[in-house]
Amino acid sequence: MYRLIASLCELELIDAGSRRGTYRLGLKLLRLGGIVMASFDERGFARPIMEQIHEATGETVFLCVRRGFEAVCIDRIDGKRVQSLALKVGGTLPLHAGAASRALLAFESETVRERYIEEQSLETLTPHTPTAPAELREVLAEVRRLGVSMSDQDVTLGIAAVGAPIFGLDGQVRAALSTSGIREAILGEQSRAAQLTVEGAAEISRQLGYTQRETDS
């Protein structure tokens, strides 16, 4: 047993614990675990959650990831009543427009957020799109504070959406879940879209290995 433990220590798979005779997982093993988790497809974890939200709300449900300075839709379930035309699978939106897009941008590092605001042309999609740098910074800060992104007709007039970030094992934002439909169905007092989207994103994050820490904001 001691020879086995010594070999594992040499390989950095385990480390000596704080008390004599105890051991803990080594950094190499944790790094290997991170590589394995990173290879899992977000869609595989997200799809059952998306189906649950769709069944409960009847609305369009999206899964998006960031590629450069755009949000890319990698999965979608069409709404039963209204099928949003703004974002098909493989389609993109700028990171300042839409609930999923801003959920992705808001939880990126400050460096990424500032590069986007300073370097990108903040395109106006509707009169409600936040295009002033100060306004966008304020909106993103609110998303970080609440943990949910609200899109009120800023991509398509009459259409609203809610979005929430999905985090990976390393605590970095991996994707965003979004529910979209007619404004009153999404933002009305009786709507459960925001609650279900936030809870769904949290469950997908948990399945990806994310554990919320007290320092998370």
Protein backbone atom coordinates (compact mmCIF):
# COMPACT_ATOMS: atom_id res chain seq x y z
CA MET A 1 0.00 0.00 0.00
CA TYR A 2 2.81 2.42 0.89
CA ARG A 3 4.60 1.66 -2.38
CA LEU A 4 1.38 2.38 -4.28
CA ILE A 5 0.88 5.66 -2.39
CA ALA A 6 4.49 6.67 -3.08
CA SER A 7 4.01 6.01 -6.79
CA LEU A 8 0.81 8.06 -6.87
CA CYS A 9 2.57 10.92 -5.09
CA GLU A 10 5.42 10.82 -7.63
CA LEU A 11 2.85 11.08 -10.42
CA GLU A 12 1.22 14.05 -8.60
CA LEU A 13 -2.09 12.19 -8.53
CA ILE A 14 -2.30 12.48 -4.75
CA ASP A 15 -0.66 14.80 -2.19
CA ALA A 16 0.03 14.43 1.50
CA GLY A 17 -2.81 15.73 3.65
CA SER A 18 -2.59 18.23 6.50
CA ARG A 19 -2.42 15.40 9.07
CA ARG A 20 0.12 12.60 9.10
CA GLY A 21 -1.05 9.50 7.28
CA THR A 22 -3.74 11.32 5.28
CA TYR A 23 -3.79 12.12 1.57
CA ARG A 24 -5.84 14.20 -0.85
CA LEU A 25 -6.32 14.35 -4.63
CA GLY A 26 -3.38 15.91 -6.43
CA LEU A 27 -3.47 18.86 -8.79
CA LYS A 28 -2.71 16.69 -11.82
CA LEU A 29 -5.78 14.55 -11.15
CA LEU A 30 -7.90 17.67 -10.79
CA ARG A 31 -6.52 19.03 -14.06
CA LEU A 32 -7.30 15.74 -15.80
CA GLY A 33 -10.83 15.92 -14.42
CA GLY A 34 -11.16 19.42 -15.82
CA ILE A 35 -10.07 18.24 -19.27
CA VAL A 36 -12.60 15.41 -19.19
CA MET A 37 -15.40 17.75 -18.10
CA ALA A 38 -14.48 20.27 -20.80
CA SER A 39 -14.97 17.58 -23.44
CA PHE A 40 -18.60 17.04 -22.48
CA ASP A 41 -21.09 18.64 -24.86
CA GLU A 42 -23.13 21.39 -23.22
CA ARG A 43 -26.02 20.40 -25.44
CA GLY A 44 -26.15 16.93 -23.93
CA PHE A 45 -26.64 18.35 -20.44
CA ALA A 46 -28.86 21.21 -21.53
CA ARG A 47 -31.33 19.44 -23.80
CA PRO A 48 -33.45 17.74 -21.07
CA ILE A 49 -33.63 21.04 -19.15
CA MET A 50 -34.61 22.91 -22.30
CA GLU A 51 -37.38 20.38 -22.93
CA GLN A 52 -38.69 20.84 -19.39
CA ILE A 53 -38.80 24.63 -19.77
CA HIS A 54 -40.46 24.32 -23.17
CA GLU A 55 -43.08 21.94 -21.76
CA ALA A 56 -43.81 24.27 -18.83
CA THR A 57 -43.95 27.53 -20.80
CA GLY A 58 -44.65 26.64 -24.43
CA GLU A 59 -42.04 29.24 -25.42
CA THR A 60 -38.90 29.11 -27.56
CA VAL A 61 -35.83 27.95 -25.63
CA PHE A 62 -32.27 28.65 -26.78
CA LEU A 63 -28.78 27.49 -25.85
CA CYS A 64 -25.99 29.86 -26.87
CA VAL A 65 -22.22 30.02 -26.54
CA ARG A 66 -19.75 32.84 -27.14
CA ARG A 67 -17.54 32.73 -30.18
CA GLY A 68 -15.40 35.83 -30.31
CA PHE A 69 -17.69 38.81 -29.94
CA GLU A 70 -20.88 37.01 -30.99
CA ALA A 71 -23.40 34.72 -29.32
CA VAL A 72 -23.97 31.58 -31.40
CA CYS A 73 -27.13 29.49 -31.04
CA ILE A 74 -26.12 25.82 -30.73
CA ASP A 75 -29.54 24.41 -29.86
CA ARG A 76 -33.14 25.56 -29.91
CA ILE A 77 -36.66 24.29 -29.27
CA ASP A 78 -39.37 26.21 -31.13
CA GLY A 79 -42.22 27.78 -29.21
CA LYS A 80 -45.72 26.32 -29.47
CA ARG A 81 -47.36 29.72 -30.01
CA VAL A 82 -44.66 31.99 -31.42
CA GLN A 83 -41.49 30.87 -33.17
CA SER A 84 -38.83 33.54 -32.88
CA LEU A 85 -37.13 34.19 -36.20
CA ALA A 86 -34.22 36.15 -34.74
CA LEU A 87 -31.87 33.30 -33.85
CA LYS A 88 -31.87 29.97 -35.65
CA VAL A 89 -29.42 27.16 -34.83
CA GLY A 90 -26.04 28.33 -36.10
CA GLY A 91 -27.23 31.94 -36.15
CA THR A 92 -25.52 34.73 -34.24
CA LEU A 93 -26.29 37.91 -32.35
CA PRO A 94 -23.89 40.62 -31.16
CA LEU A 95 -23.08 40.27 -27.47
CA HIS A 96 -24.90 43.48 -26.48
CA ALA A 97 -28.25 42.41 -27.96
CA GLY A 98 -30.55 39.76 -26.53
CA ALA A 99 -30.88 38.00 -23.20
CA ALA A 100 -28.53 35.08 -23.89
CA SER A 101 -25.93 37.38 -25.46
CA ARG A 102 -25.80 39.71 -22.48
CA ALA A 103 -25.79 36.78 -20.05
CA LEU A 104 -22.62 35.59 -21.80
CA LEU A 105 -20.98 39.01 -21.89
CA ALA A 106 -21.92 40.04 -18.36
CA PHE A 107 -20.09 37.11 -16.77
CA GLU A 108 -16.96 37.36 -18.85
CA SER A 109 -13.92 39.11 -17.36
CA GLU A 110 -13.89 42.89 -17.14
CA THR A 111 -11.16 42.88 -19.80
CA VAL A 112 -13.40 41.07 -22.29
CA ARG A 113 -16.38 43.29 -21.47
CA GLU A 114 -14.38 46.50 -21.92
CA ARG A 115 -12.76 45.29 -25.15
CA TYR A 116 -16.21 44.58 -26.55
CA ILE A 117 -17.63 47.94 -25.51
CA GLU A 118 -14.62 49.92 -26.72
CA GLU A 119 -13.79 48.03 -29.92
CA GLN A 120 -17.15 46.93 -31.32
CA SER A 121 -19.74 48.94 -33.15
CA LEU A 122 -22.82 48.60 -30.93
CA GLU A 123 -25.41 47.97 -33.61
CA THR A 124 -28.97 49.17 -33.09
CA LEU A 125 -31.42 46.34 -33.82
CA THR A 126 -34.50 48.11 -32.42
CA PRO A 127 -35.02 51.40 -30.55
CA HIS A 128 -34.65 49.36 -27.32
CA THR A 129 -31.17 47.97 -28.02
CA PRO A 130 -28.63 49.30 -25.45
CA THR A 131 -25.97 50.93 -27.65
CA ALA A 132 -24.52 53.69 -25.47
CA PRO A 133 -21.37 52.42 -23.67
CA ALA A 134 -22.47 53.80 -20.29
CA GLU A 135 -25.93 52.27 -20.67
CA LEU A 136 -24.51 48.89 -21.64
CA ARG A 137 -22.12 48.87 -18.68
CA GLU A 138 -25.07 49.60 -16.41
CA VAL A 139 -27.16 46.83 -17.95
CA LEU A 140 -24.33 44.29 -17.63
CA ALA A 141 -23.74 45.23 -13.99
CA GLU A 142 -27.43 44.62 -13.32
CA VAL A 143 -27.24 41.21 -14.99
CA ARG A 144 -24.30 40.25 -12.77
CA ARG A 145 -26.13 41.48 -9.69
CA LEU A 146 -29.39 39.64 -10.42
CA GLY A 147 -27.96 36.58 -12.17
CA VAL A 148 -30.49 36.93 -14.99
CA SER A 149 -30.60 38.93 -18.23
CA MET A 150 -33.80 40.55 -19.49
CA SER A 151 -34.36 41.42 -23.14
CA ASP A 152 -37.36 43.68 -23.64
CA GLN A 153 -37.89 44.05 -27.40
CA ASP A 154 -34.23 44.94 -28.03
CA VAL A 155 -33.81 42.29 -30.76
CA THR A 156 -37.35 42.06 -32.19
CA LEU A 157 -40.24 44.39 -31.43
CA GLY A 158 -42.97 42.66 -29.45
CA ILE A 159 -40.63 39.85 -28.37
CA ALA A 160 -38.96 39.54 -24.96
CA ALA A 161 -36.54 37.00 -23.52
CA VAL A 162 -34.81 36.03 -20.30
CA GLY A 163 -31.33 34.52 -20.14
CA ALA A 164 -29.07 33.00 -17.52
CA PRO A 165 -25.39 31.99 -17.56
CA ILE A 166 -24.13 28.42 -17.45
CA PHE A 167 -20.79 27.90 -15.70
CA GLY A 168 -18.23 25.11 -16.02
CA LEU A 169 -16.06 23.32 -13.49
CA ASP A 170 -13.50 26.15 -13.62
CA GLY A 171 -16.10 28.77 -12.74
CA GLN A 172 -15.96 30.35 -16.20
CA VAL A 173 -19.12 31.06 -18.17
CA ARG A 174 -19.58 28.27 -20.74
CA ALA A 175 -22.96 29.01 -22.28
CA ALA A 176 -26.27 30.77 -21.72
CA LEU A 177 -29.81 29.46 -21.54
CA SER A 178 -32.65 31.65 -22.79
CA THR A 179 -36.44 31.56 -23.04
CA SER A 180 -38.16 33.85 -25.56
CA GLY A 181 -41.71 34.73 -26.59
CA ILE A 182 -44.38 37.42 -26.73
CA ARG A 183 -43.50 40.17 -24.26
CA GLU A 184 -46.38 39.60 -21.83
CA ALA A 185 -45.79 35.84 -21.78
CA ILE A 186 -42.16 36.34 -20.76
CA LEU A 187 -42.16 39.49 -18.61
CA GLY A 188 -45.74 39.44 -17.29
CA GLU A 189 -46.41 39.06 -13.57
CA GLN A 190 -47.65 35.48 -13.97
CA SER A 191 -44.72 34.36 -16.09
CA ARG A 192 -42.41 31.64 -14.76
CA ALA A 193 -39.95 32.06 -17.62
CA ALA A 194 -37.27 33.85 -15.61
CA GLN A 195 -37.46 31.46 -12.66
CA LEU A 196 -37.36 28.35 -14.82
CA THR A 197 -34.51 29.70 -16.96
CA VAL A 198 -32.36 30.63 -13.96
CA GLU A 199 -33.05 27.32 -12.22
CA GLY A 200 -32.39 25.42 -15.45
CA ALA A 201 -29.07 27.18 -16.06
CA ALA A 202 -28.03 26.47 -12.46
CA GLU A 203 -28.83 22.77 -12.88
CA ILE A 204 -26.84 22.53 -16.12
CA SER A 205 -23.92 24.29 -14.38
CA ARG A 206 -24.11 21.78 -11.55
CA GLN A 207 -24.02 18.89 -14.00
CA LEU A 208 -20.94 20.45 -15.63
CA GLY A 209 -19.20 20.35 -12.25
CA TYR A 210 -19.70 23.96 -11.18
CA THR A 211 -19.99 24.65 -7.47
CA GLN A 212 -20.95 28.18 -6.49
CA ARG A 213 -18.55 29.78 -4.04
CA GLU A 214 -19.16 32.60 -1.59
CA THR A 215 -16.86 34.85 -3.61
CA ASP A 216 -18.90 34.40 -6.80
CA SER A 217 -20.72 37.57 -7.82
